Amino acid sequence: MAQHAPPARGARLGRAAGANGPAETVSGVVLLLPGASRFSAGPLRPLARALARAGGPQGLVAHPVLHGGGSPREEQARWSADEVVRRYGDVAVCLAGYGAGGRAALLAAGHEAVGSVLALAPCLPEGPAAADAPDPVKQLSGRHVLIVHGTNDARSDPEASFLLAARAKKANRSTCRFEVHSDGHGLREHQAEVVALAVDFVLGSVFSGRYARPLTDALAAPPPLGLRMPLASGFGRPPRR
């Protein structure tokens, strides 16, 4: 079992959304890692509500991770996974992060309780420094990984997440990446589609092992196809009759 890290590292788990009842009824946990500040949650708040509705009956809870600034975000993500193990025992854990939290989710994926990672518009190193010392991807091995990035993101380079996904795909076939055309860093223009895709990924990774056809195709496609999958407008909406 993972060693419980002290809360002095600065992280706290926020109020859980999802399954009601005692801890024994919880069968999966999503840890929501925000962006550079508590005011930059991006699509995480609507994602938490959607996960509670869709996954709560199956025992899923979503906890926001309240970043205290006392240590690197990836360390706080690891502490949060430790805290999940302490509270709920041996349950499936998904790290879901936005912006700086997206990078933290990717870096902390090696925690033994983590089975899946969702990175929304992750802020990754760019330029010569990134080329000389790129973020590691070995920790993603054995995890289900989904990266979602807007093509018009002016704050975090979409190409940086593509390059990381390409390296990760070599070590882990269960890696895919979707591009949200014309959307920016906050993924606001197509928020409903982004949230629907994220919910499908989380529920499939934590519970059923089954995904909607676009995710299944992206995971199966060789690079670069499975790493530049366009997120279709209207994804997740019921078909018109």
Protein backbone atom coordinates (compact mmCIF):
# COMPACT_ATOMS: atom_id res chain seq x y z
CA MET A 1 0.00 0.00 0.00
CA ALA A 2 1.20 3.52 -0.75
CA GLN A 3 2.73 5.41 2.15
CA HIS A 4 0.50 8.19 3.49
CA ALA A 5 2.19 11.53 2.91
CA PRO A 6 1.78 14.33 5.47
CA PRO A 7 -0.78 17.06 4.72
CA ALA A 8 1.95 19.66 5.32
CA ARG A 9 2.70 19.35 1.62
CA GLY A 10 -0.12 21.81 1.11
CA ALA A 11 -2.85 19.80 -0.61
CA ARG A 12 -6.36 19.12 0.68
CA LEU A 13 -9.21 17.14 -0.78
CA GLY A 14 -12.31 19.23 -1.36
CA ARG A 15 -15.86 18.10 -0.86
CA ALA A 16 -16.73 14.96 -2.78
CA ALA A 17 -19.37 14.94 -5.48
CA GLY A 18 -20.99 11.70 -6.51
CA ALA A 19 -21.78 8.53 -4.58
CA ASN A 20 -23.75 9.01 -1.37
CA GLY A 21 -23.30 6.82 1.65
CA PRO A 22 -20.34 5.42 3.60
CA ALA A 23 -16.84 5.06 2.22
CA GLU A 24 -17.44 1.35 1.72
CA THR A 25 -19.84 2.16 -1.12
CA VAL A 26 -17.17 4.06 -3.11
CA SER A 27 -15.70 2.02 -5.95
CA GLY A 28 -13.85 4.70 -7.92
CA VAL A 29 -12.40 8.18 -7.34
CA VAL A 30 -11.54 11.00 -9.71
CA LEU A 31 -9.08 13.58 -8.41
CA LEU A 32 -9.62 16.96 -10.10
CA LEU A 33 -6.40 18.96 -10.33
CA PRO A 34 -7.01 22.65 -11.19
CA GLY A 35 -4.94 25.07 -13.22
CA ALA A 36 -2.48 27.68 -12.01
CA SER A 37 -4.89 29.00 -9.39
CA ARG A 38 -8.23 28.12 -7.84
CA PHE A 39 -9.79 30.61 -10.24
CA SER A 40 -8.56 28.69 -13.29
CA ALA A 41 -10.59 25.51 -13.07
CA GLY A 42 -11.38 25.42 -16.79
CA PRO A 43 -13.93 22.67 -17.51
CA LEU A 44 -13.33 20.86 -14.19
CA ARG A 45 -16.45 22.17 -12.40
CA PRO A 46 -18.92 21.05 -15.09
CA LEU A 47 -16.93 17.82 -15.37
CA ALA A 48 -17.34 17.17 -11.64
CA ARG A 49 -21.11 17.66 -11.89
CA ALA A 50 -21.35 15.43 -14.96
CA LEU A 51 -19.27 12.69 -13.31
CA ALA A 52 -21.46 12.81 -10.20
CA ARG A 53 -24.60 12.38 -12.30
CA ALA A 54 -23.25 9.68 -14.58
CA GLY A 55 -21.00 7.77 -12.19
CA GLY A 56 -22.49 8.37 -8.74
CA PRO A 57 -24.92 5.44 -8.98
CA GLN A 58 -21.94 3.17 -9.71
CA GLY A 59 -20.02 4.38 -6.68
CA LEU A 60 -17.88 7.08 -8.32
CA VAL A 61 -16.86 10.20 -6.40
CA ALA A 62 -14.99 13.25 -7.68
CA HIS A 63 -12.77 15.19 -5.28
CA PRO A 64 -11.26 18.57 -6.20
CA VAL A 65 -7.67 18.83 -5.03
CA LEU A 66 -7.14 22.14 -3.26
CA HIS A 67 -3.61 23.23 -4.10
CA GLY A 68 -1.88 24.90 -1.15
CA GLY A 69 1.31 26.03 -2.86
CA GLY A 70 3.59 24.29 -0.35
CA SER A 71 5.12 21.84 -2.81
CA PRO A 72 5.12 20.93 -6.52
CA ARG A 73 1.72 20.08 -7.93
CA GLU A 74 2.70 16.56 -8.91
CA GLU A 75 3.75 15.86 -5.31
CA GLN A 76 0.38 17.11 -4.11
CA ALA A 77 -1.32 14.90 -6.67
CA ARG A 78 0.57 11.90 -5.29
CA TRP A 79 -0.40 12.87 -1.74
CA SER A 80 -4.03 13.10 -2.87
CA ALA A 81 -3.85 9.56 -4.27
CA ASP A 82 -2.40 8.44 -0.92
CA GLU A 83 -5.32 10.13 0.82
CA VAL A 84 -7.81 8.30 -1.42
CA VAL A 85 -6.24 4.98 -0.45
CA ARG A 86 -6.42 5.94 3.23
CA ARG A 87 -10.08 6.96 3.03
CA TYR A 88 -11.52 4.45 0.60
CA GLY A 89 -9.10 1.55 0.39
CA ASP A 90 -8.29 -0.27 -2.84
CA VAL A 91 -10.38 1.64 -5.40
CA ALA A 92 -9.69 2.72 -8.96
CA VAL A 93 -8.23 6.24 -9.17
CA CYS A 94 -8.26 8.62 -12.12
CA LEU A 95 -6.16 11.80 -12.12
CA ALA A 96 -7.95 14.51 -14.11
CA GLY A 97 -6.16 17.83 -14.48
CA TYR A 98 -6.49 21.09 -16.38
CA GLY A 99 -3.63 23.38 -17.39
CA ALA A 100 -0.88 23.09 -14.77
CA GLY A 101 -3.02 20.41 -13.15
CA GLY A 102 -2.97 18.48 -16.41
CA ARG A 103 0.80 18.32 -16.33
CA ALA A 104 0.70 17.31 -12.65
CA ALA A 105 -1.69 14.47 -13.49
CA LEU A 106 0.66 13.18 -16.18
CA LEU A 107 3.71 13.39 -13.91
CA ALA A 108 2.01 11.74 -10.92
CA ALA A 109 0.54 8.86 -12.93
CA GLY A 110 3.09 6.40 -11.57
CA HIS A 111 1.30 6.19 -8.21
CA GLU A 112 0.27 2.57 -7.74
CA ALA A 113 -3.39 3.44 -7.15
CA VAL A 114 -3.73 5.39 -10.41
CA GLY A 115 -5.16 3.54 -13.38
CA SER A 116 -6.07 6.39 -15.72
CA VAL A 117 -5.09 9.96 -16.51
CA LEU A 118 -7.06 12.77 -18.15
CA ALA A 119 -5.09 15.89 -19.11
CA LEU A 120 -7.08 18.87 -20.41
CA ALA A 121 -5.01 21.59 -22.10
CA PRO A 122 -1.91 20.57 -20.11
CA CYS A 123 0.75 23.25 -19.64
CA LEU A 124 3.97 21.51 -20.71
CA PRO A 125 7.55 22.73 -21.17
CA GLU A 126 8.20 24.26 -24.57
CA GLY A 127 11.17 25.25 -26.72
CA PRO A 128 14.83 24.23 -26.40
CA ALA A 129 14.59 23.44 -22.67
CA ALA A 130 11.81 20.94 -23.33
CA ALA A 131 13.80 19.37 -26.16
CA ASP A 132 16.84 18.96 -23.93
CA ALA A 133 14.93 17.65 -20.89
CA PRO A 134 11.41 16.53 -21.90
CA ASP A 135 8.90 15.44 -19.29
CA PRO A 136 9.13 11.71 -18.55
CA VAL A 137 6.50 9.29 -19.89
CA LYS A 138 7.60 6.02 -18.28
CA GLN A 139 5.16 6.60 -15.40
CA LEU A 140 2.26 6.43 -17.88
CA SER A 141 2.96 2.80 -18.73
CA GLY A 142 0.00 0.57 -17.91
CA ARG A 143 -2.39 3.52 -17.53
CA HIS A 144 -5.22 4.67 -19.77
CA VAL A 145 -4.32 8.16 -20.95
CA LEU A 146 -6.44 10.82 -22.67
CA ILE A 147 -5.13 14.27 -23.59
CA VAL A 148 -7.50 16.95 -24.90
CA HIS A 149 -6.20 20.22 -26.34
CA GLY A 150 -7.68 23.18 -28.18
CA THR A 151 -5.93 24.01 -31.43
CA ASN A 152 -6.11 27.76 -30.70
CA ASP A 153 -4.63 27.51 -27.21
CA ALA A 154 -2.40 30.57 -26.78
CA ARG A 155 -1.37 29.73 -23.21
CA SER A 156 -0.13 26.14 -23.54
CA ASP A 157 1.22 24.94 -26.88
CA PRO A 158 -0.93 22.13 -28.36
CA GLU A 159 2.12 20.84 -30.22
CA ALA A 160 3.87 20.22 -26.90
CA SER A 161 1.08 17.88 -25.79
CA PHE A 162 1.17 16.13 -29.17
CA LEU A 163 4.92 15.51 -28.84
CA LEU A 164 4.48 14.16 -25.31
CA ALA A 165 1.61 11.93 -26.46
CA ALA A 166 3.75 10.61 -29.31
CA ARG A 167 6.50 9.62 -26.89
CA ALA A 168 3.99 8.13 -24.45
CA LYS A 169 2.32 6.08 -27.20
CA LYS A 170 5.60 4.25 -27.86
CA ALA A 171 5.62 2.96 -24.28
CA ASN A 172 1.89 2.72 -23.73
CA ARG A 173 -0.61 1.80 -26.45
CA SER A 174 -3.50 2.96 -24.24
CA THR A 175 -2.75 6.60 -25.01
CA CYS A 176 -4.84 8.90 -27.18
CA ARG A 177 -5.22 12.62 -27.78
CA PHE A 178 -8.10 14.70 -29.14
CA GLU A 179 -7.88 18.12 -30.75
CA VAL A 180 -10.68 20.62 -30.25
CA HIS A 181 -10.54 22.73 -33.39
CA SER A 182 -10.83 26.50 -32.96
CA ASP A 183 -11.01 26.25 -29.16
CA GLY A 184 -8.68 28.02 -26.73
CA HIS A 185 -7.07 27.21 -23.42
CA GLY A 186 -10.31 27.24 -21.42
CA LEU A 187 -12.03 24.81 -23.84
CA ARG A 188 -15.17 26.95 -23.54
CA GLU A 189 -16.40 26.92 -27.13
CA HIS A 190 -16.98 23.16 -27.10
CA GLN A 191 -17.25 22.59 -23.36
CA ALA A 192 -20.22 20.23 -23.63
CA GLU A 193 -18.35 17.95 -26.04
CA VAL A 194 -15.16 18.04 -23.95
CA VAL A 195 -17.07 17.12 -20.80
CA ALA A 196 -18.97 14.32 -22.57
CA LEU A 197 -15.71 12.88 -23.92
CA ALA A 198 -14.06 13.11 -20.49
CA VAL A 199 -16.99 11.40 -18.75
CA ASP A 200 -17.00 8.57 -21.28
CA PHE A 201 -13.25 8.09 -20.80
CA VAL A 202 -13.44 8.12 -16.99
CA LEU A 203 -16.37 5.70 -16.75
CA GLY A 204 -14.78 3.36 -19.28
CA SER A 205 -11.40 3.44 -17.56
CA VAL A 206 -12.69 3.11 -14.00
CA PHE A 207 -15.60 0.70 -14.49
CA SER A 208 -16.55 -0.94 -17.76
CA GLY A 209 -13.47 -0.97 -19.98
CA ARG A 210 -15.74 0.14 -22.83
CA TYR A 211 -15.64 3.48 -24.61
CA ALA A 212 -17.62 5.38 -27.21
CA ARG A 213 -16.56 4.65 -30.78
CA PRO A 214 -14.37 7.79 -31.20
CA LEU A 215 -12.33 6.92 -28.11
CA THR A 216 -12.05 3.27 -29.12
CA ASP A 217 -10.83 4.32 -32.57
CA ALA A 218 -8.35 6.83 -31.14
CA LEU A 219 -6.86 4.28 -28.75
CA ALA A 220 -6.52 1.71 -31.54
CA ALA A 221 -5.20 4.04 -34.26
CA PRO A 222 -1.44 4.26 -34.85
CA PRO A 223 0.25 7.62 -34.43
CA PRO A 224 -0.25 10.28 -35.50
CA LEU A 225 -3.90 9.47 -36.25
CA GLY A 226 -4.84 8.49 -32.71
CA LEU A 227 -3.06 11.53 -31.33
CA ARG A 228 -4.70 14.14 -33.57
CA MET A 229 -8.28 12.92 -33.40
CA PRO A 230 -10.77 15.77 -33.98
CA LEU A 231 -13.48 16.09 -31.35
CA ALA A 232 -16.68 16.15 -33.35
CA SER A 233 -19.21 18.88 -32.73
CA GLY A 234 -22.17 17.43 -30.88
CA PHE A 235 -20.27 14.54 -29.31
CA GLY A 236 -22.30 13.06 -26.47
CA ARG A 237 -25.62 14.57 -27.49
CA PRO A 238 -28.53 12.18 -28.10
CA PRO A 239 -29.34 11.73 -31.80
CA ARG A 240 -32.23 13.70 -33.18
CA ARG A 241 -35.40 11.78 -33.92
